[in-house]
Protein backbone atom coordinates (compact mmCIF):
# COMPACT_ATOMS: atom_id res chain seq x y z
CA MET A 1 98.80 80.03 53.60
CA ASN A 2 100.18 82.85 52.00
CA LYS A 3 95.77 84.64 53.27
CA LYS A 4 95.16 86.34 56.26
CA ILE A 5 93.13 85.64 59.30
CA GLU A 6 91.98 88.52 61.71
CA ASN A 7 90.95 89.10 64.40
CA GLY A 8 89.59 92.30 65.00
CA ALA A 9 88.73 92.73 69.07
CA ASN A 10 88.72 96.39 70.17
CA ASN A 11 89.46 93.77 73.53
CA PHE A 12 91.11 90.83 72.40
CA ASN A 13 90.03 88.50 75.77
CA ASP A 14 86.45 90.23 75.06
CA GLN A 15 84.14 87.72 72.90
CA LYS A 16 82.17 90.19 71.21
CA ASN A 17 79.28 89.82 68.26
CA GLU A 18 80.50 89.46 64.81
CA SER A 19 79.34 93.44 63.76
CA ASP A 20 81.50 94.80 66.98
CA TYR A 21 84.90 93.96 65.15
CA ILE A 22 86.75 96.64 63.34
CA LYS A 23 87.60 95.73 59.95
CA GLY A 24 91.41 95.92 58.89
CA GLN A 25 92.42 95.97 62.70
CA TYR A 26 94.21 92.45 62.86
CA SER A 27 96.48 90.78 60.03
CA LEU A 28 98.71 87.85 60.15
CA PHE A 29 99.81 87.24 56.88
CA GLU A 30 99.59 90.56 54.46
CA GLU A 31 99.50 94.30 54.74
CA ASP A 32 96.57 94.78 52.11
CA PHE A 33 94.28 94.85 55.66
CA ASP A 34 91.29 95.48 53.66
CA ARG A 35 90.95 91.62 52.88
CA ASP A 36 91.07 90.83 56.11
CA GLU A 37 87.76 90.00 57.63
CA LEU A 38 86.41 88.14 54.38
CA CYS A 39 89.57 86.06 54.67
CA PHE A 40 89.21 85.74 58.59
CA ASP A 41 84.83 85.12 57.64
CA ILE A 42 85.89 82.09 55.76
CA PHE A 43 88.22 80.09 57.40
CA PHE A 44 87.29 81.15 61.36
CA LYS A 45 83.09 79.69 60.07
CA GLU A 46 84.13 77.67 57.09
CA GLY A 47 87.78 75.95 57.05
CA PRO A 48 89.08 73.13 57.21
CA PHE A 49 90.95 74.12 60.37
CA GLY A 50 90.34 74.63 64.57
CA ILE A 51 92.03 77.88 65.06
CA MET A 52 92.88 79.48 68.24
CA LEU A 53 93.50 83.04 68.83
CA LEU A 54 95.79 84.02 71.38
CA ASP A 55 96.87 87.00 73.75
CA ARG A 56 100.40 87.98 74.52
CA TYR A 57 100.43 86.00 77.38
CA PHE A 58 99.18 82.94 75.38
CA GLN A 59 95.22 83.09 76.58
CA ILE A 60 92.82 82.04 74.73
CA GLY A 61 91.14 84.70 73.44
CA ARG A 62 88.71 83.18 70.55
CA LEU A 63 88.77 79.42 68.83
CA ASN A 64 85.46 78.87 66.45
CA GLN A 65 82.96 76.18 66.16
CA LYS A 66 84.94 73.32 64.33
CA LEU A 67 88.37 73.91 67.88
CA GLU A 68 85.07 73.32 69.71
CA LYS A 69 84.06 69.96 68.02
CA MET A 70 87.45 68.87 67.37
CA LEU A 71 88.50 69.66 71.42
CA GLU A 72 85.18 68.97 72.89
CA TYR A 73 85.24 71.68 75.00
CA LYS A 74 81.94 74.16 75.07
CA PRO A 75 83.53 78.47 75.20
CA LYS A 76 83.49 79.20 78.43
CA GLU A 77 85.45 76.24 79.28
CA MET A 78 88.48 77.23 77.57
CA LEU A 79 88.73 80.73 77.21
CA GLY A 80 90.49 83.29 79.42
CA ARG A 81 92.80 80.13 80.34
CA GLN A 82 96.50 79.98 78.92
CA VAL A 83 96.42 76.97 76.01
CA PHE A 84 99.16 75.37 77.77
CA GLU A 85 96.52 73.98 80.19
CA PHE A 86 95.15 72.08 76.48
CA LEU A 87 98.18 70.03 75.99
CA ALA A 88 99.93 66.99 77.35
CA GLY A 89 103.40 66.91 78.90
CA GLU A 90 105.92 67.48 76.86
CA ASP A 91 104.01 69.46 74.40
CA ALA A 92 102.94 71.93 76.73
CA LEU A 93 107.02 73.42 77.37
CA SER A 94 107.77 72.48 73.72
CA LEU A 95 104.41 75.38 72.44
CA LYS A 96 105.40 77.44 75.04
CA SER A 97 108.98 77.54 73.80
CA VAL A 98 107.85 78.05 70.13
CA LEU A 99 105.77 81.27 70.70
CA GLN A 100 108.53 82.81 72.91
CA ASN A 101 111.32 82.68 70.70
CA GLY A 102 110.54 85.29 68.52
CA GLN A 103 112.98 84.11 65.32
CA ALA A 104 110.53 80.68 65.06
CA LEU A 105 107.79 82.49 64.24
CA LYS A 106 108.45 84.53 61.55
CA THR A 107 106.22 82.22 58.94
CA PRO A 108 104.42 80.24 60.01
CA LEU A 109 105.61 77.24 62.01
CA LEU A 110 104.27 73.59 62.20
CA VAL A 111 104.59 71.57 65.53
CA SER A 112 102.75 68.30 66.38
CA LEU A 113 100.70 68.77 69.43
CA ARG A 114 98.81 66.51 71.77
CA PHE A 115 95.55 68.37 72.88
CA ILE A 116 93.85 67.22 75.90
CA LYS A 117 90.02 66.71 74.70
CA ASP A 118 87.12 66.45 77.30
CA LYS A 119 86.96 63.39 79.67
CA ASN A 120 91.30 63.61 79.47
CA LYS A 121 91.19 61.96 75.66
CA VAL A 122 93.36 62.95 73.27
CA LEU A 123 93.52 64.61 70.23
CA ILE A 124 96.76 64.36 68.12
CA THR A 125 96.92 67.71 65.84
CA ASP A 126 99.54 69.35 63.29
CA THR A 127 99.03 73.35 64.46
CA TYR A 128 100.23 75.75 62.90
CA VAL A 129 101.51 78.98 64.95
CA ARG A 130 102.08 82.45 64.03
CA LYS A 131 103.12 85.53 65.73
CA TYR A 132 100.88 88.79 64.26
CA LYS A 133 101.29 92.49 65.61
CA THR A 134 97.65 94.07 65.62
CA LYS A 135 98.23 97.51 64.32
CA ILE A 136 98.12 98.92 68.06
CA GLY A 137 101.29 97.34 68.20
CA ASP A 138 100.22 94.45 70.58
CA GLU A 139 101.45 90.91 70.07
CA GLN A 140 99.27 88.18 69.21
CA TYR A 141 98.93 84.23 68.48
CA CYS A 142 97.00 82.52 66.27
CA LEU A 143 97.42 78.39 66.02
CA LEU A 144 95.31 76.77 63.46
CA ILE A 145 94.86 73.01 64.04
CA PHE A 146 94.19 70.17 62.03
CA ASP A 147 94.11 66.42 63.39
CA LYS A 148 96.09 63.57 61.21
CA GLU A 149 93.17 62.78 59.58
CA PHE A 150 93.44 66.28 57.47
CA SER A 151 94.71 65.64 53.92
CA PRO A 152 96.48 68.66 52.93
CA ASN A 153 97.24 69.57 49.31
CA GLY A 154 100.63 69.40 47.52
CA GLN A 155 101.60 73.69 48.37
CA LEU A 156 100.84 73.14 51.97
CA LEU A 157 102.33 69.38 51.81
CA GLU A 158 105.51 71.28 50.68
CA LEU A 159 105.28 74.12 52.89
CA LYS A 160 104.95 71.16 55.33
CA GLN A 161 108.43 70.30 54.51
CA GLU A 162 109.95 74.16 55.02
CA ILE A 163 108.75 74.55 58.16
CA TYR A 164 110.28 70.80 59.02
CA HIS A 165 113.16 72.16 58.91
CA THR A 166 112.39 75.51 60.77
CA ILE A 167 111.78 73.51 64.07
CA ILE A 168 114.71 70.72 63.61
CA ALA A 169 116.99 74.54 63.22
CA THR A 170 115.24 76.03 66.42
CA GLN A 171 116.11 72.86 68.75
CA GLU A 172 119.33 72.61 66.89
CA GLN A 173 119.89 76.42 68.26
CA GLU A 174 118.43 75.98 71.28
CA ARG A 175 121.08 72.86 72.56
CA GLN A 176 123.58 75.25 71.14
CA ASN A 177 122.84 77.82 73.35
CA ILE A 178 122.35 75.69 76.77
CA GLY A 179 125.66 73.59 76.05
CA SER A 180 127.91 76.61 75.68
CA LEU A 181 126.38 78.17 78.61
CA LEU A 182 126.77 74.99 80.65
CA HIS A 183 130.17 74.92 78.92
CA ASP A 184 131.35 78.99 79.36
CA SER A 185 128.94 79.13 82.74
CA THR A 186 128.08 76.16 85.40
CA ALA A 187 131.39 74.57 84.47
CA GLN A 188 133.86 77.72 84.82
CA LEU A 189 132.47 77.72 88.65
CA LEU A 190 132.60 74.56 89.53
CA TYR A 191 136.41 74.53 87.89
CA ALA A 192 137.07 77.81 90.18
CA ILE A 193 135.09 76.14 93.07
CA ARG A 194 137.50 72.34 93.02
CA LEU A 195 140.84 75.03 92.06
CA ASN A 196 139.78 76.83 95.46
CA LEU A 197 139.44 73.20 97.10
CA GLN A 198 142.77 72.56 95.93
CA HIS A 199 144.42 75.63 97.31
CA GLN A 200 142.73 75.25 100.19
CA THR A 201 144.64 71.52 100.92
CA LEU A 202 147.77 72.98 99.95
CA LYS A 203 147.16 75.38 102.74
CA SER A 204 146.25 73.98 105.31
CA GLY A 205 146.28 70.20 104.69
CA GLU A 206 143.31 67.60 103.72
CA LYS A 207 140.67 67.48 106.11
CA ASP A 208 138.40 64.62 106.74
CA TRP A 209 135.71 66.27 104.72
CA MET A 210 136.86 67.77 101.92
CA LEU A 211 137.77 63.85 100.04
CA PRO A 212 133.75 63.09 99.51
CA MET A 213 133.52 67.42 98.37
CA LYS A 214 136.35 66.76 95.62
CA GLU A 215 134.70 63.89 94.27
CA MET A 216 130.91 64.88 94.27
CA LEU A 217 132.56 68.13 92.24
CA ASN A 218 134.73 65.69 90.10
CA GLU A 219 131.58 64.10 89.34
CA ALA A 220 129.26 66.77 89.28
CA ILE A 221 132.36 68.19 86.09
CA PHE A 222 132.26 64.14 84.29
CA GLN A 223 128.30 64.96 84.17
CA ILE A 224 127.59 68.77 83.23
CA ARG A 225 130.99 67.53 80.23
CA ASN A 226 129.17 64.68 79.25
CA ILE A 227 125.42 66.40 78.48
CA SER A 228 127.14 69.38 77.13
CA MET A 229 128.43 66.85 74.29
CA ASP A 230 125.10 65.38 74.41
CA LEU A 231 123.92 68.87 73.20
CA VAL A 232 126.23 69.70 71.06
CA PRO A 233 128.72 66.68 69.36
CA SER A 234 131.17 68.67 68.48
CA VAL A 235 132.98 64.94 67.24
CA LEU A 236 130.11 64.56 64.59
CA ASN A 237 131.66 67.77 62.95
CA ASP A 238 135.77 67.15 63.67
CA PHE A 239 135.89 63.30 62.47
CA GLY A 240 132.47 61.59 61.69
CA LEU A 241 129.16 60.05 62.08
CA LYS A 242 131.05 56.72 63.14
CA ALA A 243 132.96 58.88 65.22
CA ALA A 244 130.11 60.19 67.03
CA ILE A 245 128.53 57.19 67.48
CA GLY A 246 130.91 55.84 68.94
CA SER A 247 132.13 58.17 71.44
CA MET A 248 128.20 58.39 72.13
CA SER A 249 128.10 54.80 72.77
CA GLU A 250 131.15 54.49 74.81
CA ARG A 251 130.23 57.26 77.19
CA ILE A 252 126.74 54.83 78.30
CA THR A 253 128.51 51.61 78.10
CA ILE A 254 129.25 50.17 81.44
CA PRO A 255 129.91 46.34 82.39
CA ASP A 256 126.21 45.92 82.84
CA PHE A 257 125.09 47.76 79.52
CA GLN A 258 126.67 47.65 76.37
CA VAL A 259 125.87 49.55 73.37
CA ILE A 260 127.67 47.44 69.98
CA PRO A 261 127.54 50.63 67.39
CA LEU A 262 127.55 49.44 62.87
CA VAL A 263 127.81 52.50 60.89
CA GLN A 264 128.52 52.24 57.26
CA GLU A 265 131.55 54.09 56.43
CA LYS A 266 129.74 55.22 52.71
CA CYS A 267 127.27 57.32 55.34
CA GLU A 268 129.87 59.44 55.72
CA GLU A 269 128.89 60.62 52.12
CA LEU A 270 125.71 62.14 53.90
CA SER A 271 125.56 66.14 54.29
CA GLU A 272 126.75 67.32 57.61
CA GLU A 273 123.14 68.55 58.25
CA MET A 274 121.75 64.27 57.57
CA LYS A 275 124.49 63.85 59.90
CA LEU A 276 123.19 65.62 62.70
CA ALA A 277 119.83 64.03 62.07
CA ILE A 278 120.91 60.48 62.33
CA TYR A 279 123.17 61.26 65.66
CA ARG A 280 119.15 62.94 66.56
CA ILE A 281 117.66 59.90 66.18
CA VAL A 282 120.44 57.37 67.75
CA GLN A 283 120.48 59.36 70.14
CA GLU A 284 116.91 59.42 71.52
CA LEU A 285 116.36 55.49 70.86
CA LEU A 286 119.79 54.93 72.96
CA ASN A 287 117.72 57.00 75.66
CA ASN A 288 114.76 55.29 75.76
CA CYS A 289 116.33 52.11 75.63
CA MET A 290 118.27 53.23 78.57
CA LYS A 291 115.11 54.22 80.06
CA HIS A 292 111.92 51.75 79.51
CA ALA A 293 114.18 48.40 78.03
CA VAL A 294 115.57 46.87 81.00
CA ALA A 295 118.88 45.56 78.40
CA THR A 296 121.81 44.79 79.00
CA ARG A 297 122.84 45.11 75.17
CA ILE A 298 122.17 47.53 72.20
CA ARG A 299 122.87 47.19 68.48
CA VAL A 300 123.09 50.06 66.81
CA LYS A 301 123.08 49.83 62.72
CA VAL A 302 123.45 52.56 61.05
CA THR A 303 123.69 51.63 56.41
CA MET A 304 123.06 53.50 53.41
CA LYS A 305 121.85 52.04 50.00
CA ASP A 306 120.87 53.91 47.05
CA ASP A 307 118.50 56.71 48.11
CA TRP A 308 118.19 55.12 51.20
CA VAL A 309 118.94 55.37 54.90
CA ASN A 310 118.75 52.76 57.47
CA VAL A 311 118.95 53.61 60.68
CA GLU A 312 118.68 50.50 63.30
CA VAL A 313 118.52 50.31 67.12
CA GLY A 314 117.69 46.91 68.54
CA ASP A 315 117.95 45.60 72.37
CA ASN A 316 117.78 42.32 74.52
CA GLY A 317 115.04 44.09 76.80
CA LYS A 318 111.87 43.45 78.26
CA GLY A 319 110.01 43.26 74.81
CA PHE A 320 106.30 45.85 74.20
CA LYS A 321 103.69 45.59 73.02
CA LYS A 322 102.87 48.89 71.50
CA GLU A 323 102.21 50.41 67.79
CA VAL A 324 103.95 53.71 66.73
CA LYS A 325 100.52 56.07 67.20
CA GLU A 326 99.84 55.15 70.85
CA CYS A 327 103.98 55.64 71.95
CA MET A 328 102.94 58.72 70.58
CA GLU A 329 100.06 59.24 71.69
CA GLU A 330 102.15 58.60 75.11
CA GLY A 331 104.85 61.16 74.74
CA SER A 332 107.59 59.08 74.48
CA GLY A 333 111.22 59.55 73.39
CA LEU A 334 109.65 58.82 69.88
CA ARG A 335 107.69 61.82 68.99
CA ASN A 336 110.90 63.97 69.67
CA ILE A 337 112.95 62.55 66.09
CA GLN A 338 109.54 62.53 64.55
CA ASN A 339 109.83 66.49 62.65
CA ARG A 340 113.19 64.80 61.82
CA ILE A 341 111.86 61.46 60.03
CA ASN A 342 109.02 63.90 58.41
CA PHE A 343 112.07 66.66 57.12
CA TYR A 344 113.43 63.11 55.59
CA ASN A 345 109.96 61.74 54.38
CA GLY A 346 110.39 58.51 56.31
CA SER A 347 109.20 56.24 58.38
CA ILE A 348 109.45 54.48 61.24
CA LYS A 349 108.16 51.01 62.53
CA ILE A 350 108.96 48.51 65.64
CA LYS A 351 109.45 45.08 66.08
CA THR A 352 108.97 43.25 69.74
CA GLN A 353 109.39 39.60 70.61
CA ASN A 354 109.02 38.90 74.23
CA THR A 355 112.71 39.18 74.75
CA GLY A 356 114.59 42.29 72.33
CA THR A 357 112.93 45.32 70.78
CA THR A 358 114.44 46.76 67.79
CA VAL A 359 113.04 50.77 66.14
CA LEU A 360 113.66 50.42 62.34
CA VAL A 361 113.90 54.49 60.64
CA THR A 362 113.92 54.90 57.29
CA LEU A 363 115.50 58.39 56.07
CA GLN A 364 115.71 60.00 52.19
CA VAL A 365 118.95 60.79 51.13
CA ILE A 366 117.72 64.74 49.65
């Protein structure tokens, strides 16, 4: 990954013959432009990756034969179109967020993407994304794409761990930004509206139309506070993992939907980073239960033994017979926690019966 890859086209969107490329015009990883042409040829023609080059508008400017075979498209069907058109659902939004985040692309970033192949088949890939500038200052992007059957060497595996960490940090930063915006802007506006309404009530008495408006305002403020707490779990930092999961469980428990948390005290000894990972995993699994399980009771269990943490979320819902891989392909919430599981060298298993499903996540303490 410390090698360079070069486009070298005068006009990125125009497809030209190899002889038309200007040596050293584009460089991804190093300042030594003299090697660019050779490295690009090796990677582009003979490497294990599918390669896609994008312009500043995220339009596909070039792709190699390896990627053509992987996606089963002809070049003319892809060139000039935005890459997001070839990604499944939420993956298009995820990649767009990554590409627009300059901080996240200072080093190659690894993301898991589902590409839509010809005839609407799905290809699950790991994709290295790199933003770079041409010698003339244009911002462009390179995607190195390999499917799940590709086995990287030890150096790449080590790099993967670093990049999983970067992905997670970027996601958390975005959550904090959105949470702060909701709290400092949207919530404050709603508070101001409520105060003005209260002032109007004192001034001229309460009118019939005011009561439902107050109720809607109170509900909107309540919902924003809950969303903000989910995005930035201050309880986790202030009182620990057990209190945070307990608070989350209380917020979503209603008479016909009960969440019972059990968090082993020993888990409080874990690093703050790992406790946040566990919290996010539980959060996503609970969201899945609420959306899909048709359950009335959920049990959350977090335990630690030796150098491993077990996160178990079980429900009494309708159950399902899908494998983990199939869930990932369909874009369920399980994919949202995959980077955290990978970072902690973990695994995920699903046990299901006619009534009830249990998801077991195992993480290594590092």
